[in-house]
Amino acid sequence: MDLGRELVRRLGSKGANVALVLVKQAKQRIRTRGADVGGYARLWADTATIKVWKGRGKNRKQVDLPHYRAGGVPLADTGNLLQSLNGTIQEIPNGVRLFLRGPLYAVFQHHGFKTSGGNVIPFTRAAARGGARKWIKQLEGDAKTKAEGKQKQAMERKEFMYAKNGVTVPARPIFAMPPAAKAELARAIARALGAR
């Protein structure tokens, strides 16, 4: 008897429900900032600020602008990752294999990573939507403005930061099997196979 085929046959449509347990656990882990795996590192944005000019004339002064994601939940702010996660089940000769699927960037977030070279980091939602090209054009414009001696205009609306040595993103496990998650999955499989 092929155990994998038999399990898939016995699980039937309930097999998809078992795979959904992985999805539910991953989404809960993201929403709770990885509480069941020791917690996620805080967002760099929680403490990051950038100097910008505010006001006009005599009231003009430099102030700290906080990052737009300050206080945000890693991996959950846009909701894109949460919506893209799905689970599947596959038979193998000696059992079944459950998969948690999502976008490629989720793998990098799960393991953590470091970039080399420079990174352009947006500080406002408008900058994040506009992208790095807008910032590069702004820099080119700033160089011309400085050459003309108009430094006030050059200091206005700095909405990006440049990390010339790259950035380090800490691991934020999405798929993990702490004891409670294993027990929940085992219960789901047992229920799907008809155990009480």
C-alpha atoms as a PDB file:
ATOM      1  CA  MET A   1       0.000   0.000   0.000  1.00  0.00           C
ATOM      2  CA  ASP A   2       1.256   3.485  -0.904  1.00  0.00           C
ATOM      3  CA  LEU A   3       0.843   5.476   2.333  1.00  0.00           C
ATOM      4  CA  GLY A   4       0.904   8.866   0.583  1.00  0.00           C
ATOM      5  CA  ARG A   5      -1.851   7.945  -1.860  1.00  0.00           C
ATOM      6  CA  GLU A   6      -3.935   6.415   0.943  1.00  0.00           C
ATOM      7  CA  LEU A   7      -3.583   9.508   3.124  1.00  0.00           C
ATOM      8  CA  VAL A   8      -4.555  11.815   0.269  1.00  0.00           C
ATOM      9  CA  ARG A   9      -7.525   9.550  -0.510  1.00  0.00           C
ATOM     10  CA  ARG A  10      -8.626   9.505   3.140  1.00  0.00           C
ATOM     11  CA  LEU A  11      -8.086  13.231   3.597  1.00  0.00           C
ATOM     12  CA  GLY A  12     -10.016  13.970   0.409  1.00  0.00           C
ATOM     13  CA  SER A  13     -11.260  17.544   0.307  1.00  0.00           C
ATOM     14  CA  LYS A  14     -10.314  17.925   3.972  1.00  0.00           C
ATOM     15  CA  GLY A  15      -6.661  17.813   2.905  1.00  0.00           C
ATOM     16  CA  ALA A  16      -6.965  21.398   1.731  1.00  0.00           C
ATOM     17  CA  ASN A  17      -8.235  22.320   5.204  1.00  0.00           C
ATOM     18  CA  VAL A  18      -5.140  20.755   6.752  1.00  0.00           C
ATOM     19  CA  ALA A  19      -2.920  22.827   4.461  1.00  0.00           C
ATOM     20  CA  LEU A  20      -4.888  25.916   5.471  1.00  0.00           C
ATOM     21  CA  VAL A  21      -3.739  25.352   9.053  1.00  0.00           C
ATOM     22  CA  LEU A  22      -0.207  26.266   7.903  1.00  0.00           C
ATOM     23  CA  VAL A  23      -1.556  29.410   6.266  1.00  0.00           C
ATOM     24  CA  LYS A  24      -3.518  30.378   9.377  1.00  0.00           C
ATOM     25  CA  GLN A  25      -0.446  29.850  11.570  1.00  0.00           C
ATOM     26  CA  ALA A  26       1.786  31.907   9.269  1.00  0.00           C
ATOM     27  CA  LYS A  27      -0.697  34.786   9.136  1.00  0.00           C
ATOM     28  CA  GLN A  28      -1.117  34.732  12.906  1.00  0.00           C
ATOM     29  CA  ARG A  29       2.679  34.689  13.336  1.00  0.00           C
ATOM     30  CA  ILE A  30       3.008  37.758  11.119  1.00  0.00           C
ATOM     31  CA  ARG A  31       0.162  39.646  12.850  1.00  0.00           C
ATOM     32  CA  THR A  32       1.634  38.938  16.308  1.00  0.00           C
ATOM     33  CA  ARG A  33       5.159  39.930  15.204  1.00  0.00           C
ATOM     34  CA  GLY A  34       6.449  36.378  15.589  1.00  0.00           C
ATOM     35  CA  ALA A  35       5.364  36.002  19.227  1.00  0.00           C
ATOM     36  CA  ASP A  36       5.330  32.183  19.022  1.00  0.00           C
ATOM     37  CA  VAL A  37       8.928  32.068  17.734  1.00  0.00           C
ATOM     38  CA  GLY A  38      10.520  34.572  20.111  1.00  0.00           C
ATOM     39  CA  GLY A  39       9.317  37.768  18.410  1.00  0.00           C
ATOM     40  CA  TYR A  40      10.491  39.672  15.350  1.00  0.00           C
ATOM     41  CA  ALA A  41      13.183  42.301  15.544  1.00  0.00           C
ATOM     42  CA  ARG A  42      11.735  45.815  15.667  1.00  0.00           C
ATOM     43  CA  LEU A  43      11.474  47.700  12.429  1.00  0.00           C
ATOM     44  CA  TRP A  44      14.411  49.985  11.744  1.00  0.00           C
ATOM     45  CA  ALA A  45      11.759  52.540  10.835  1.00  0.00           C
ATOM     46  CA  ASP A  46      10.552  52.670  14.458  1.00  0.00           C
ATOM     47  CA  THR A  47      13.548  54.804  15.458  1.00  0.00           C
ATOM     48  CA  ALA A  48      14.722  56.261  12.123  1.00  0.00           C
ATOM     49  CA  THR A  49      14.351  59.962  11.390  1.00  0.00           C
ATOM     50  CA  ILE A  50      15.579  62.281   8.659  1.00  0.00           C
ATOM     51  CA  LYS A  51      16.148  66.059   8.853  1.00  0.00           C
ATOM     52  CA  VAL A  52      13.807  68.175   6.724  1.00  0.00           C
ATOM     53  CA  TRP A  53      13.116  71.889   6.455  1.00  0.00           C
ATOM     54  CA  LYS A  54       9.689  73.094   7.579  1.00  0.00           C
ATOM     55  CA  GLY A  55       8.117  76.517   7.527  1.00  0.00           C
ATOM     56  CA  ARG A  56       8.849  79.686   5.579  1.00  0.00           C
ATOM     57  CA  GLY A  57      10.874  82.811   6.128  1.00  0.00           C
ATOM     58  CA  LYS A  58      11.820  83.448   9.773  1.00  0.00           C
ATOM     59  CA  ASN A  59       9.768  80.423  10.884  1.00  0.00           C
ATOM     60  CA  ARG A  60      11.878  78.082   8.744  1.00  0.00           C
ATOM     61  CA  LYS A  61      13.669  75.383  10.772  1.00  0.00           C
ATOM     62  CA  GLN A  62      15.000  71.872  10.462  1.00  0.00           C
ATOM     63  CA  VAL A  63      12.920  69.144  12.114  1.00  0.00           C
ATOM     64  CA  ASP A  64      13.135  65.359  12.419  1.00  0.00           C
ATOM     65  CA  LEU A  65      10.734  63.543  10.117  1.00  0.00           C
ATOM     66  CA  PRO A  66       9.857  60.049  11.369  1.00  0.00           C
ATOM     67  CA  HIS A  67       9.698  57.175   8.918  1.00  0.00           C
ATOM     68  CA  TYR A  68       6.186  56.531   7.591  1.00  0.00           C
ATOM     69  CA  ARG A  69       6.334  52.884   8.760  1.00  0.00           C
ATOM     70  CA  ALA A  70       7.207  53.754  12.373  1.00  0.00           C
ATOM     71  CA  GLY A  71       5.071  51.581  14.637  1.00  0.00           C
ATOM     72  CA  GLY A  72       4.141  49.298  11.752  1.00  0.00           C
ATOM     73  CA  VAL A  73       3.926  45.514  11.826  1.00  0.00           C
ATOM     74  CA  PRO A  74       6.759  43.843   9.860  1.00  0.00           C
ATOM     75  CA  LEU A  75       5.476  41.950   6.804  1.00  0.00           C
ATOM     76  CA  ALA A  76       1.873  43.049   7.398  1.00  0.00           C
ATOM     77  CA  ASP A  77       1.660  46.786   6.670  1.00  0.00           C
ATOM     78  CA  THR A  78       0.557  46.478   3.042  1.00  0.00           C
ATOM     79  CA  GLY A  79      -1.304  43.180   3.456  1.00  0.00           C
ATOM     80  CA  ASN A  80       0.171  41.863   0.190  1.00  0.00           C
ATOM     81  CA  LEU A  81       2.114  39.038   1.834  1.00  0.00           C
ATOM     82  CA  LEU A  82      -0.823  37.957   3.983  1.00  0.00           C
ATOM     83  CA  GLN A  83      -3.114  37.795   0.952  1.00  0.00           C
ATOM     84  CA  SER A  84      -0.617  35.854  -1.153  1.00  0.00           C
ATOM     85  CA  LEU A  85       0.015  32.968   1.275  1.00  0.00           C
ATOM     86  CA  ASN A  86      -1.621  29.655   0.434  1.00  0.00           C
ATOM     87  CA  GLY A  87      -1.204  26.029   1.409  1.00  0.00           C
ATOM     88  CA  THR A  88      -1.140  22.853  -0.650  1.00  0.00           C
ATOM     89  CA  ILE A  89      -0.836  19.142   0.060  1.00  0.00           C
ATOM     90  CA  GLN A  90       1.100  16.626  -2.042  1.00  0.00           C
ATOM     91  CA  GLU A  91       1.325  12.864  -1.778  1.00  0.00           C
ATOM     92  CA  ILE A  92       4.764  11.276  -1.445  1.00  0.00           C
ATOM     93  CA  PRO A  93       5.528   7.526  -1.237  1.00  0.00           C
ATOM     94  CA  ASN A  94       5.610   7.344   2.562  1.00  0.00           C
ATOM     95  CA  GLY A  95       3.132  10.077   3.506  1.00  0.00           C
ATOM     96  CA  VAL A  96       2.063  13.537   2.523  1.00  0.00           C
ATOM     97  CA  ARG A  97       3.927  16.801   2.267  1.00  0.00           C
ATOM     98  CA  LEU A  98       2.348  20.129   3.175  1.00  0.00           C
ATOM     99  CA  PHE A  99       3.509  23.321   1.498  1.00  0.00           C
ATOM    100  CA  LEU A 100       3.180  26.919   2.507  1.00  0.00           C
ATOM    101  CA  ARG A 101       3.477  29.009  -0.660  1.00  0.00           C
ATOM    102  CA  GLY A 102       3.976  32.708  -1.110  1.00  0.00           C
ATOM    103  CA  PRO A 103       6.055  35.287  -2.992  1.00  0.00           C
ATOM    104  CA  LEU A 104       9.838  34.964  -3.300  1.00  0.00           C
ATOM    105  CA  TYR A 105      10.481  37.937  -1.035  1.00  0.00           C
ATOM    106  CA  ALA A 106       8.838  35.996   1.798  1.00  0.00           C
ATOM    107  CA  VAL A 107      11.740  33.522   1.657  1.00  0.00           C
ATOM    108  CA  PHE A 108      14.257  36.351   2.022  1.00  0.00           C
ATOM    109  CA  GLN A 109      12.277  37.809   4.925  1.00  0.00           C
ATOM    110  CA  HIS A 110      12.027  34.377   6.558  1.00  0.00           C
ATOM    111  CA  HIS A 111      15.812  33.868   6.551  1.00  0.00           C
ATOM    112  CA  GLY A 112      16.942  37.499   6.739  1.00  0.00           C
ATOM    113  CA  PHE A 113      19.400  39.060   4.312  1.00  0.00           C
ATOM    114  CA  LYS A 114      21.994  41.765   3.734  1.00  0.00           C
ATOM    115  CA  THR A 115      22.292  43.913   0.652  1.00  0.00           C
ATOM    116  CA  SER A 116      25.583  45.194  -0.700  1.00  0.00           C
ATOM    117  CA  GLY A 117      26.018  48.541  -2.289  1.00  0.00           C
ATOM    118  CA  GLY A 118      23.631  51.420  -1.909  1.00  0.00           C
ATOM    119  CA  ASN A 119      19.938  51.320  -1.121  1.00  0.00           C
ATOM    120  CA  VAL A 120      17.450  54.144  -1.507  1.00  0.00           C
ATOM    121  CA  ILE A 121      15.041  54.130   1.437  1.00  0.00           C
ATOM    122  CA  PRO A 122      11.794  56.131   1.153  1.00  0.00           C
ATOM    123  CA  PHE A 123      10.740  58.059   4.263  1.00  0.00           C
ATOM    124  CA  THR A 124       7.211  59.052   3.264  1.00  0.00           C
ATOM    125  CA  ARG A 125       4.330  57.164   1.670  1.00  0.00           C
ATOM    126  CA  ALA A 126       4.470  59.520  -1.308  1.00  0.00           C
ATOM    127  CA  ALA A 127       8.167  58.736  -1.776  1.00  0.00           C
ATOM    128  CA  ALA A 128       7.505  55.000  -1.521  1.00  0.00           C
ATOM    129  CA  ARG A 129       4.918  55.285  -4.284  1.00  0.00           C
ATOM    130  CA  GLY A 130       7.191  57.500  -6.420  1.00  0.00           C
ATOM    131  CA  GLY A 131      10.190  55.164  -6.313  1.00  0.00           C
ATOM    132  CA  ALA A 132      13.923  55.705  -6.547  1.00  0.00           C
ATOM    133  CA  ARG A 133      13.851  57.315 -10.006  1.00  0.00           C
ATOM    134  CA  LYS A 134      12.044  60.317  -8.585  1.00  0.00           C
ATOM    135  CA  TRP A 135      14.743  60.619  -5.909  1.00  0.00           C
ATOM    136  CA  ILE A 136      17.595  60.364  -8.419  1.00  0.00           C
ATOM    137  CA  LYS A 137      16.008  63.116 -10.515  1.00  0.00           C
ATOM    138  CA  GLN A 138      15.649  65.168  -7.341  1.00  0.00           C
ATOM    139  CA  LEU A 139      19.354  64.679  -6.557  1.00  0.00           C
ATOM    140  CA  GLU A 140      20.324  65.780 -10.058  1.00  0.00           C
ATOM    141  CA  GLY A 141      18.104  68.822  -9.650  1.00  0.00           C
ATOM    142  CA  ASP A 142      19.636  69.542  -6.232  1.00  0.00           C
ATOM    143  CA  ALA A 143      23.144  69.566  -7.708  1.00  0.00           C
ATOM    144  CA  LYS A 144      22.078  72.185 -10.267  1.00  0.00           C
ATOM    145  CA  THR A 145      20.295  74.197  -7.590  1.00  0.00           C
ATOM    146  CA  LYS A 146      23.351  74.194  -5.299  1.00  0.00           C
ATOM    147  CA  ALA A 147      25.515  75.292  -8.210  1.00  0.00           C
ATOM    148  CA  GLU A 148      23.182  78.227  -8.631  1.00  0.00           C
ATOM    149  CA  GLY A 149      23.481  79.062  -4.936  1.00  0.00           C
ATOM    150  CA  LYS A 150      19.863  78.275  -4.000  1.00  0.00           C
ATOM    151  CA  GLN A 151      20.534  75.924  -1.089  1.00  0.00           C
ATOM    152  CA  LYS A 152      17.138  76.495   0.541  1.00  0.00           C
ATOM    153  CA  GLN A 153      15.362  74.836  -2.364  1.00  0.00           C
ATOM    154  CA  ALA A 154      17.886  72.005  -2.356  1.00  0.00           C
ATOM    155  CA  MET A 155      17.097  71.150   1.279  1.00  0.00           C
ATOM    156  CA  GLU A 156      13.330  71.039   0.793  1.00  0.00           C
ATOM    157  CA  ARG A 157      11.376  67.821   0.533  1.00  0.00           C
ATOM    158  CA  LYS A 158      14.071  65.270   1.272  1.00  0.00           C
ATOM    159  CA  GLU A 159      11.885  62.186   1.395  1.00  0.00           C
ATOM    160  CA  PHE A 160      14.561  59.541   0.890  1.00  0.00           C
ATOM    161  CA  MET A 161      17.640  58.299   2.688  1.00  0.00           C
ATOM    162  CA  TYR A 162      20.582  56.625   0.991  1.00  0.00           C
ATOM    163  CA  ALA A 163      22.260  53.663   2.783  1.00  0.00           C
ATOM    164  CA  LYS A 164      25.573  53.557   0.922  1.00  0.00           C
ATOM    165  CA  ASN A 165      26.801  50.365   2.634  1.00  0.00           C
ATOM    166  CA  GLY A 166      23.568  48.426   2.112  1.00  0.00           C
ATOM    167  CA  VAL A 167      21.111  47.255   4.735  1.00  0.00           C
ATOM    168  CA  THR A 168      20.715  44.208   6.956  1.00  0.00           C
ATOM    169  CA  VAL A 169      17.226  42.789   7.352  1.00  0.00           C
ATOM    170  CA  PRO A 170      16.864  40.400  10.314  1.00  0.00           C
ATOM    171  CA  ALA A 171      15.207  37.004   9.928  1.00  0.00           C
ATOM    172  CA  ARG A 172      11.461  37.095  10.508  1.00  0.00           C
ATOM    173  CA  PRO A 173      10.305  33.473  10.397  1.00  0.00           C
ATOM    174  CA  ILE A 174       7.022  33.002   8.558  1.00  0.00           C
ATOM    175  CA  PHE A 175       6.935  29.205   8.465  1.00  0.00           C
ATOM    176  CA  ALA A 176       7.916  27.655  11.787  1.00  0.00           C
ATOM    177  CA  MET A 177       6.882  24.639  13.802  1.00  0.00           C
ATOM    178  CA  PRO A 178       7.084  25.427  17.498  1.00  0.00           C
ATOM    179  CA  PRO A 179       5.428  22.737  19.698  1.00  0.00           C
ATOM    180  CA  ALA A 180       2.006  24.438  19.752  1.00  0.00           C
ATOM    181  CA  ALA A 181       1.955  24.688  15.938  1.00  0.00           C
ATOM    182  CA  LYS A 182       2.892  21.010  15.581  1.00  0.00           C
ATOM    183  CA  ALA A 183       0.136  19.997  17.989  1.00  0.00           C
ATOM    184  CA  GLU A 184      -2.460  22.090  16.127  1.00  0.00           C
ATOM    185  CA  LEU A 185      -1.424  20.549  12.795  1.00  0.00           C
ATOM    186  CA  ALA A 186      -1.545  17.023  14.245  1.00  0.00           C
ATOM    187  CA  ARG A 187      -5.087  17.675  15.547  1.00  0.00           C
ATOM    188  CA  ALA A 188      -6.155  18.972  12.118  1.00  0.00           C
ATOM    189  CA  ILE A 189      -4.788  15.849  10.409  1.00  0.00           C
ATOM    190  CA  ALA A 190      -6.428  13.567  12.951  1.00  0.00           C
ATOM    191  CA  ARG A 191      -9.807  15.322  12.491  1.00  0.00           C
ATOM    192  CA  ALA A 192      -9.470  15.105   8.710  1.00  0.00           C
ATOM    193  CA  LEU A 193      -8.819  11.350   8.998  1.00  0.00           C
ATOM    194  CA  GLY A 194     -11.914  10.927  11.149  1.00  0.00           C
ATOM    195  CA  ALA A 195     -10.435  10.756  14.664  1.00  0.00           C
ATOM    196  CA  ARG A 196     -12.492  12.268  17.443  1.00  0.00           C
END
